[in-house]
C-alpha atoms as a PDB file:
ATOM      1  CA  UNK A   1     149.785 106.893 203.806  1.00  0.00           C
ATOM      2  CA  UNK A   2     150.049 106.509 200.266  1.00  0.00           C
ATOM      3  CA  UNK A   3     151.303 103.117 199.189  1.00  0.00           C
ATOM      4  CA  UNK A   4     154.492 103.321 197.420  1.00  0.00           C
ATOM      5  CA  UNK A   5     153.969 101.953 193.568  1.00  0.00           C
ATOM      6  CA  UNK A   6     156.984  99.883 192.199  1.00  0.00           C
ATOM      7  CA  UNK A   7     158.363 100.199 188.686  1.00  0.00           C
ATOM      8  CA  UNK A   8     156.888  96.940 187.533  1.00  0.00           C
ATOM      9  CA  UNK A   9     153.503  98.286 188.551  1.00  0.00           C
ATOM     10  CA  UNK A  10     153.847 101.515 186.751  1.00  0.00           C
ATOM     11  CA  UNK A  11     154.637  99.761 183.755  1.00  0.00           C
ATOM     12  CA  UNK A  12     151.807  97.646 184.056  1.00  0.00           C
ATOM     13  CA  UNK A  13     149.691 100.283 184.389  1.00  0.00           C
ATOM     14  CA  UNK A  14     151.064 102.343 181.628  1.00  0.00           C
ATOM     15  CA  UNK A  15     150.773  99.081 179.205  1.00  0.00           C
ATOM     16  CA  UNK A  16     147.313  99.085 180.119  1.00  0.00           C
ATOM     17  CA  UNK A  17     146.696 102.418 179.361  1.00  0.00           C
ATOM     18  CA  UNK A  18     148.141 102.416 176.127  1.00  0.00           C
ATOM     19  CA  UNK A  19     146.009  99.367 175.273  1.00  0.00           C
ATOM     20  CA  UNK A  20     142.723 100.941 176.477  1.00  0.00           C
ATOM     21  CA  UNK A  21     143.506 104.033 174.542  1.00  0.00           C
ATOM     22  CA  UNK A  22     144.461 102.281 171.352  1.00  0.00           C
ATOM     23  CA  UNK A  23     141.184 100.505 171.414  1.00  0.00           C
ATOM     24  CA  UNK A  24     139.038 103.341 172.034  1.00  0.00           C
ATOM     25  CA  UNK A  25     140.790 105.236 169.220  1.00  0.00           C
ATOM     26  CA  UNK A  26     141.237 102.649 166.620  1.00  0.00           C
ATOM     27  CA  UNK A  27     137.180 102.242 167.038  1.00  0.00           C
ATOM     28  CA  UNK A  28     136.514 105.607 166.196  1.00  0.00           C
ATOM     29  CA  UNK A  29     139.413 106.815 164.180  1.00  0.00           C
ATOM     30  CA  UNK A  30     140.569 103.790 162.343  1.00  0.00           C
ATOM     31  CA  UNK A  31     144.020 102.210 162.595  1.00  0.00           C
ATOM     32  CA  UNK A  32     145.446 104.464 160.150  1.00  0.00           C
ATOM     33  CA  UNK A  33     143.821 107.413 161.278  1.00  0.00           C
ATOM     34  CA  UNK A  34     145.243 107.325 164.654  1.00  0.00           C
ATOM     35  CA  UNK A  35     148.693 108.608 164.874  1.00  0.00           C
ATOM     36  CA  UNK A  36     151.224 107.727 167.837  1.00  0.00           C
ATOM     37  CA  UNK A  37     151.232 111.133 169.319  1.00  0.00           C
ATOM     38  CA  UNK A  38     147.628 111.144 169.533  1.00  0.00           C
ATOM     39  CA  UNK A  39     147.707 107.351 171.129  1.00  0.00           C
ATOM     40  CA  UNK A  40     150.530 108.340 173.450  1.00  0.00           C
ATOM     41  CA  UNK A  41     148.794 111.736 174.826  1.00  0.00           C
ATOM     42  CA  UNK A  42     145.291 109.649 175.294  1.00  0.00           C
ATOM     43  CA  UNK A  43     147.239 107.164 177.062  1.00  0.00           C
ATOM     44  CA  UNK A  44     149.410 109.758 179.192  1.00  0.00           C
ATOM     45  CA  UNK A  45     152.505 108.494 178.040  1.00  0.00           C
ATOM     46  CA  UNK A  46     155.321 109.385 175.945  1.00  0.00           C
ATOM     47  CA  UNK A  47     155.985 107.769 172.641  1.00  0.00           C
ATOM     48  CA  UNK A  48     159.149 105.885 173.640  1.00  0.00           C
ATOM     49  CA  UNK A  49     156.930 103.753 176.051  1.00  0.00           C
ATOM     50  CA  UNK A  50     154.457 102.805 173.131  1.00  0.00           C
ATOM     51  CA  UNK A  51     157.745 101.615 171.528  1.00  0.00           C
ATOM     52  CA  UNK A  52     159.046  99.921 174.525  1.00  0.00           C
ATOM     53  CA  UNK A  53     156.023  97.775 175.161  1.00  0.00           C
ATOM     54  CA  UNK A  54     154.962  96.940 171.626  1.00  0.00           C
ATOM     55  CA  UNK A  55     157.471  98.108 169.186  1.00  0.00           C
ATOM     56  CA  UNK A  56     155.248  99.330 166.435  1.00  0.00           C
ATOM     57  CA  UNK A  57     151.569 100.524 165.857  1.00  0.00           C
ATOM     58  CA  UNK A  58     151.103  97.222 163.878  1.00  0.00           C
ATOM     59  CA  UNK A  59     152.235  95.101 166.828  1.00  0.00           C
ATOM     60  CA  UNK A  60     149.798  96.919 169.426  1.00  0.00           C
ATOM     61  CA  UNK A  61     147.020  95.918 167.057  1.00  0.00           C
ATOM     62  CA  UNK A  62     147.935  92.481 167.189  1.00  0.00           C
ATOM     63  CA  UNK A  63     147.770  92.517 170.942  1.00  0.00           C
ATOM     64  CA  UNK A  64     144.417  93.828 170.540  1.00  0.00           C
ATOM     65  CA  UNK A  65     143.499  91.254 168.063  1.00  0.00           C
ATOM     66  CA  UNK A  66     144.837  88.603 170.522  1.00  0.00           C
ATOM     67  CA  UNK A  67     142.865  90.016 173.662  1.00  0.00           C
ATOM     68  CA  UNK A  68     139.328  90.111 172.026  1.00  0.00           C
ATOM     69  CA  UNK A  69     139.819  86.838 169.706  1.00  0.00           C
ATOM     70  CA  UNK A  70     141.280  84.649 172.635  1.00  0.00           C
ATOM     71  CA  UNK A  71     138.114  85.540 174.696  1.00  0.00           C
ATOM     72  CA  UNK A  72     135.922  84.896 171.651  1.00  0.00           C
ATOM     73  CA  UNK A  73     137.960  81.568 171.192  1.00  0.00           C
ATOM     74  CA  UNK A  74     137.350  80.302 174.975  1.00  0.00           C
ATOM     75  CA  UNK A  75     133.698  81.450 174.670  1.00  0.00           C
ATOM     76  CA  UNK A  76     132.997  79.094 171.684  1.00  0.00           C
ATOM     77  CA  UNK A  77     134.817  76.342 173.109  1.00  0.00           C
ATOM     78  CA  UNK A  78     132.740  76.419 176.569  1.00  0.00           C
ATOM     79  CA  UNK A  79     129.724  77.188 175.054  1.00  0.00           C
ATOM     80  CA  UNK A  80     129.119  74.648 171.929  1.00  0.00           C
ATOM     81  CA  UNK A  81     130.877  71.803 173.608  1.00  0.00           C
ATOM     82  CA  UNK A  82     128.720  69.103 175.421  1.00  0.00           C
ATOM     83  CA  UNK A  83     126.235  66.568 174.358  1.00  0.00           C
ATOM     84  CA  UNK A  84     123.214  68.585 174.197  1.00  0.00           C
ATOM     85  CA  UNK A  85     120.848  69.089 171.076  1.00  0.00           C
ATOM     86  CA  UNK A  86     122.691  71.522 168.731  1.00  0.00           C
ATOM     87  CA  UNK A  87     119.906  73.971 169.230  1.00  0.00           C
ATOM     88  CA  UNK A  88     120.756  74.058 173.048  1.00  0.00           C
ATOM     89  CA  UNK A  89     124.357  74.767 172.002  1.00  0.00           C
ATOM     90  CA  UNK A  90     124.089  77.156 169.858  1.00  0.00           C
ATOM     91  CA  UNK A  91     121.199  78.856 171.792  1.00  0.00           C
ATOM     92  CA  UNK A  92     123.899  79.343 174.708  1.00  0.00           C
ATOM     93  CA  UNK A  93     126.540  80.332 172.662  1.00  0.00           C
ATOM     94  CA  UNK A  94     124.424  83.134 170.812  1.00  0.00           C
ATOM     95  CA  UNK A  95     123.300  84.519 174.113  1.00  0.00           C
ATOM     96  CA  UNK A  96     126.877  84.377 175.644  1.00  0.00           C
ATOM     97  CA  UNK A  97     128.612  86.043 172.355  1.00  0.00           C
ATOM     98  CA  UNK A  98     126.038  88.930 172.159  1.00  0.00           C
ATOM     99  CA  UNK A  99     127.032  89.560 175.897  1.00  0.00           C
ATOM    100  CA  UNK A 100     130.593  89.383 174.928  1.00  0.00           C
ATOM    101  CA  UNK A 101     130.437  91.681 172.188  1.00  0.00           C
ATOM    102  CA  UNK A 102     128.285  94.250 174.401  1.00  0.00           C
ATOM    103  CA  UNK A 103     130.765  94.077 177.028  1.00  0.00           C
ATOM    104  CA  UNK A 104     133.708  94.585 174.442  1.00  0.00           C
ATOM    105  CA  UNK A 105     132.163  96.843 171.915  1.00  0.00           C
ATOM    106  CA  UNK A 106     135.150  98.761 170.764  1.00  0.00           C
ATOM    107  CA  UNK A 107     137.335  95.563 170.654  1.00  0.00           C
ATOM    108  CA  UNK A 108     134.834  94.230 168.260  1.00  0.00           C
ATOM    109  CA  UNK A 109     134.738  97.011 166.007  1.00  0.00           C
ATOM    110  CA  UNK A 110     138.453  96.989 166.033  1.00  0.00           C
ATOM    111  CA  UNK A 111     138.812  93.109 165.212  1.00  0.00           C
ATOM    112  CA  UNK A 112     136.083  93.533 162.417  1.00  0.00           C
ATOM    113  CA  UNK A 113     136.428  96.680 160.825  1.00  0.00           C
ATOM    114  CA  UNK A 114     140.278  96.753 160.736  1.00  0.00           C
ATOM    115  CA  UNK A 115     140.755  94.565 158.064  1.00  0.00           C
ATOM    116  CA  UNK A 116     143.206  95.769 155.463  1.00  0.00           C
ATOM    117  CA  UNK A 117     143.114  93.734 152.523  1.00  0.00           C
ATOM    118  CA  UNK A 118     146.396  94.892 151.438  1.00  0.00           C
ATOM    119  CA  UNK A 119     148.112  93.801 154.380  1.00  0.00           C
ATOM    120  CA  UNK A 120     148.544  90.391 154.126  1.00  0.00           C
ATOM    121  CA  UNK A 121     150.312  90.026 157.329  1.00  0.00           C
ATOM    122  CA  UNK A 122     147.209  91.339 159.457  1.00  0.00           C
ATOM    123  CA  UNK A 123     144.965  89.449 157.208  1.00  0.00           C
ATOM    124  CA  UNK A 124     147.059  85.941 158.193  1.00  0.00           C
ATOM    125  CA  UNK A 125     147.170  86.904 161.860  1.00  0.00           C
ATOM    126  CA  UNK A 126     143.571  87.342 161.920  1.00  0.00           C
ATOM    127  CA  UNK A 127     143.387  84.052 159.901  1.00  0.00           C
ATOM    128  CA  UNK A 128     145.032  82.050 162.544  1.00  0.00           C
ATOM    129  CA  UNK A 129     142.435  82.541 165.317  1.00  0.00           C
ATOM    130  CA  UNK A 130     139.929  81.973 162.570  1.00  0.00           C
ATOM    131  CA  UNK A 131     141.421  78.456 161.799  1.00  0.00           C
ATOM    132  CA  UNK A 132     140.792  77.784 165.732  1.00  0.00           C
ATOM    133  CA  UNK A 133     137.002  78.992 165.702  1.00  0.00           C
ATOM    134  CA  UNK A 134     136.530  77.053 162.294  1.00  0.00           C
ATOM    135  CA  UNK A 135     137.952  74.009 164.105  1.00  0.00           C
ATOM    136  CA  UNK A 136     135.292  74.386 166.957  1.00  0.00           C
ATOM    137  CA  UNK A 137     132.416  75.235 164.187  1.00  0.00           C
ATOM    138  CA  UNK A 138     133.285  72.280 162.301  1.00  0.00           C
ATOM    139  CA  UNK A 139     133.284  69.875 165.199  1.00  0.00           C
ATOM    140  CA  UNK A 140     130.587  71.010 167.120  1.00  0.00           C
ATOM    141  CA  UNK A 141     128.026  72.479 164.587  1.00  0.00           C
ATOM    142  CA  UNK A 142     128.916  71.664 161.058  1.00  0.00           C
ATOM    143  CA  UNK A 143     129.325  67.822 161.733  1.00  0.00           C
ATOM    144  CA  UNK A 144     125.823  67.716 163.600  1.00  0.00           C
ATOM    145  CA  UNK A 145     124.179  69.771 160.765  1.00  0.00           C
ATOM    146  CA  UNK A 146     125.414  67.527 158.296  1.00  0.00           C
ATOM    147  CA  UNK A 147     124.220  64.443 159.758  1.00  0.00           C
ATOM    148  CA  UNK A 148     120.953  65.726 159.887  1.00  0.00           C
ATOM    149  CA  UNK A 149     120.335  67.331 156.783  1.00  0.00           C
ATOM    150  CA  UNK A 150     122.562  64.765 154.507  1.00  0.00           C
ATOM    151  CA  UNK A 151     124.811  68.031 153.108  1.00  0.00           C
ATOM    152  CA  UNK A 152     128.329  69.176 153.800  1.00  0.00           C
ATOM    153  CA  UNK A 153     128.142  72.730 155.283  1.00  0.00           C
ATOM    154  CA  UNK A 154     131.452  74.454 155.797  1.00  0.00           C
ATOM    155  CA  UNK A 155     132.281  76.565 158.929  1.00  0.00           C
ATOM    156  CA  UNK A 156     133.738  79.136 156.548  1.00  0.00           C
ATOM    157  CA  UNK A 157     130.172  79.571 155.859  1.00  0.00           C
ATOM    158  CA  UNK A 158     128.303  79.144 159.493  1.00  0.00           C
ATOM    159  CA  UNK A 159     130.902  81.124 161.206  1.00  0.00           C
ATOM    160  CA  UNK A 160     131.052  84.483 159.613  1.00  0.00           C
ATOM    161  CA  UNK A 161     127.203  84.244 159.140  1.00  0.00           C
ATOM    162  CA  UNK A 162     126.777  83.482 162.887  1.00  0.00           C
ATOM    163  CA  UNK A 163     129.376  86.511 163.949  1.00  0.00           C
ATOM    164  CA  UNK A 164     128.002  88.646 161.457  1.00  0.00           C
ATOM    165  CA  UNK A 165     124.447  88.288 162.449  1.00  0.00           C
ATOM    166  CA  UNK A 166     125.400  88.787 166.249  1.00  0.00           C
ATOM    167  CA  UNK A 167     127.845  91.691 165.593  1.00  0.00           C
ATOM    168  CA  UNK A 168     125.327  93.783 163.378  1.00  0.00           C
ATOM    169  CA  UNK A 169     123.925  95.687 166.354  1.00  0.00           C
ATOM    170  CA  UNK A 170     127.290  96.953 167.570  1.00  0.00           C
ATOM    171  CA  UNK A 171     128.970  97.678 163.958  1.00  0.00           C
ATOM    172  CA  UNK A 172     125.656  99.572 162.817  1.00  0.00           C
ATOM    173  CA  UNK A 173     124.996 101.104 166.056  1.00  0.00           C
ATOM    174  CA  UNK A 174     126.198 104.877 165.213  1.00  0.00           C
ATOM    175  CA  UNK A 175     123.868 104.597 161.958  1.00  0.00           C
ATOM    176  CA  UNK A 176     121.028 103.016 163.497  1.00  0.00           C
ATOM    177  CA  UNK A 177     120.752 105.354 166.267  1.00  0.00           C
ATOM    178  CA  UNK A 178     120.129 108.072 163.639  1.00  0.00           C
ATOM    179  CA  UNK A 179     117.706 106.270 161.997  1.00  0.00           C
ATOM    180  CA  UNK A 180     115.635 104.965 164.886  1.00  0.00           C
ATOM    181  CA  UNK A 181     112.720 106.974 165.397  1.00  0.00           C
ATOM    182  CA  UNK A 182     112.793 109.326 168.595  1.00  0.00           C
ATOM    183  CA  UNK A 183     110.076 107.355 170.419  1.00  0.00           C
ATOM    184  CA  UNK A 184     111.575 104.004 169.886  1.00  0.00           C
ATOM    185  CA  UNK A 185     114.395 102.693 172.140  1.00  0.00           C
ATOM    186  CA  UNK A 186     116.899 100.450 171.739  1.00  0.00           C
ATOM    187  CA  UNK A 187     116.161  97.147 172.398  1.00  0.00           C
ATOM    188  CA  UNK A 188     117.603  95.683 175.837  1.00  0.00           C
ATOM    189  CA  UNK A 189     120.643  93.219 175.291  1.00  0.00           C
ATOM    190  CA  UNK A 190     118.414  90.028 176.401  1.00  0.00           C
ATOM    191  CA  UNK A 191     115.857  90.934 173.882  1.00  0.00           C
ATOM    192  CA  UNK A 192     118.616  91.082 171.134  1.00  0.00           C
ATOM    193  CA  UNK A 193     119.873  87.857 172.250  1.00  0.00           C
ATOM    194  CA  UNK A 194     116.380  86.410 171.725  1.00  0.00           C
ATOM    195  CA  UNK A 195     115.922  87.633 168.429  1.00  0.00           C
ATOM    196  CA  UNK A 196     118.991  86.790 166.875  1.00  0.00           C
ATOM    197  CA  UNK A 197     118.580  83.202 168.582  1.00  0.00           C
ATOM    198  CA  UNK A 198     115.247  82.681 167.230  1.00  0.00           C
ATOM    199  CA  UNK A 199     116.434  83.603 163.806  1.00  0.00           C
ATOM    200  CA  UNK A 200     119.436  81.897 163.716  1.00  0.00           C
ATOM    201  CA  UNK A 201     117.522  78.624 164.826  1.00  0.00           C
ATOM    202  CA  UNK A 202     114.469  79.155 162.997  1.00  0.00           C
ATOM    203  CA  UNK A 203     116.111  79.374 159.845  1.00  0.00           C
ATOM    204  CA  UNK A 204     118.328  76.013 160.438  1.00  0.00           C
ATOM    205  CA  UNK A 205     114.872  74.610 161.129  1.00  0.00           C
ATOM    206  CA  UNK A 206     113.470  75.849 157.539  1.00  0.00           C
ATOM    207  CA  UNK A 207     116.748  74.510 156.111  1.00  0.00           C
ATOM    208  CA  UNK A 208     116.606  71.288 157.664  1.00  0.00           C
ATOM    209  CA  UNK A 209     113.042  71.127 156.161  1.00  0.00           C
ATOM    210  CA  UNK A 210     114.010  72.371 152.728  1.00  0.00           C
ATOM    211  CA  UNK A 211     116.876  69.629 152.483  1.00  0.00           C
ATOM    212  CA  UNK A 212     114.082  66.573 153.476  1.00  0.00           C
ATOM    213  CA  UNK A 213     111.915  67.903 151.038  1.00  0.00           C
ATOM    214  CA  UNK A 214     114.711  68.071 148.246  1.00  0.00           C
ATOM    215  CA  UNK A 215     115.939  64.306 149.344  1.00  0.00           C
ATOM    216  CA  UNK A 216     112.308  63.426 148.959  1.00  0.00           C
ATOM    217  CA  UNK A 217     111.988  64.805 145.508  1.00  0.00           C
ATOM    218  CA  UNK A 218     115.183  63.311 144.683  1.00  0.00           C
ATOM    219  CA  UNK A 219     114.309  59.757 145.577  1.00  0.00           C
ATOM    220  CA  UNK A 220     111.065  60.170 143.566  1.00  0.00           C
ATOM    221  CA  UNK A 221     112.756  61.498 140.739  1.00  0.00           C
ATOM    222  CA  UNK A 222     115.108  58.380 140.657  1.00  0.00           C
ATOM    223  CA  UNK A 223     112.280  56.220 140.712  1.00  0.00           C
ATOM    224  CA  UNK A 224     110.317  57.585 137.961  1.00  0.00           C
ATOM    225  CA  UNK A 225     113.813  57.295 135.919  1.00  0.00           C
ATOM    226  CA  UNK A 226     114.410  53.578 137.192  1.00  0.00           C
END
């Protein structure tokens, strides 16, 4: 016997289909390049249903941003918290973030690539999420770096740098798949996590060494001048 689906369940499934179709189409054709009729057809709903749930295509984009960025924010809170060494927390965060990006590749593409510089509303919407992530970076990463290096490093520098490196595999995949020699396979996600973690943590170690050297040179210069 077929289970009867109530109207609330039908609405829920329709809403989810719209979101899933929008993520897929926005990631491949762009926000501006995706029409509502195309979206309605892909989601197997009518235009009125899109307006009913979201009101406009821009509000639908905001919903997609909310879904992805809420997950990324929670991941940062969980993986960067704790009393372990900074390297331990960063390694844990990098590996979890790469896994998250791999599982939500289309959401990642939409979130990063759909940055219309002529739309202050979307920029500010993303900035609202960005401020929350930067607060975590400031508390869990930048303060520790400042203590160890003696130099203030802004989360506005560290945050985008980390995200860009972790996301690069997924952002450039269509081009790299064409560039990569036929005999060379794409490295597994685990290998990519290891490579990115080593590069970032190794870079921090080099930076700290350079800062210590710089402080030593500054001290010697001050003594010679005194």
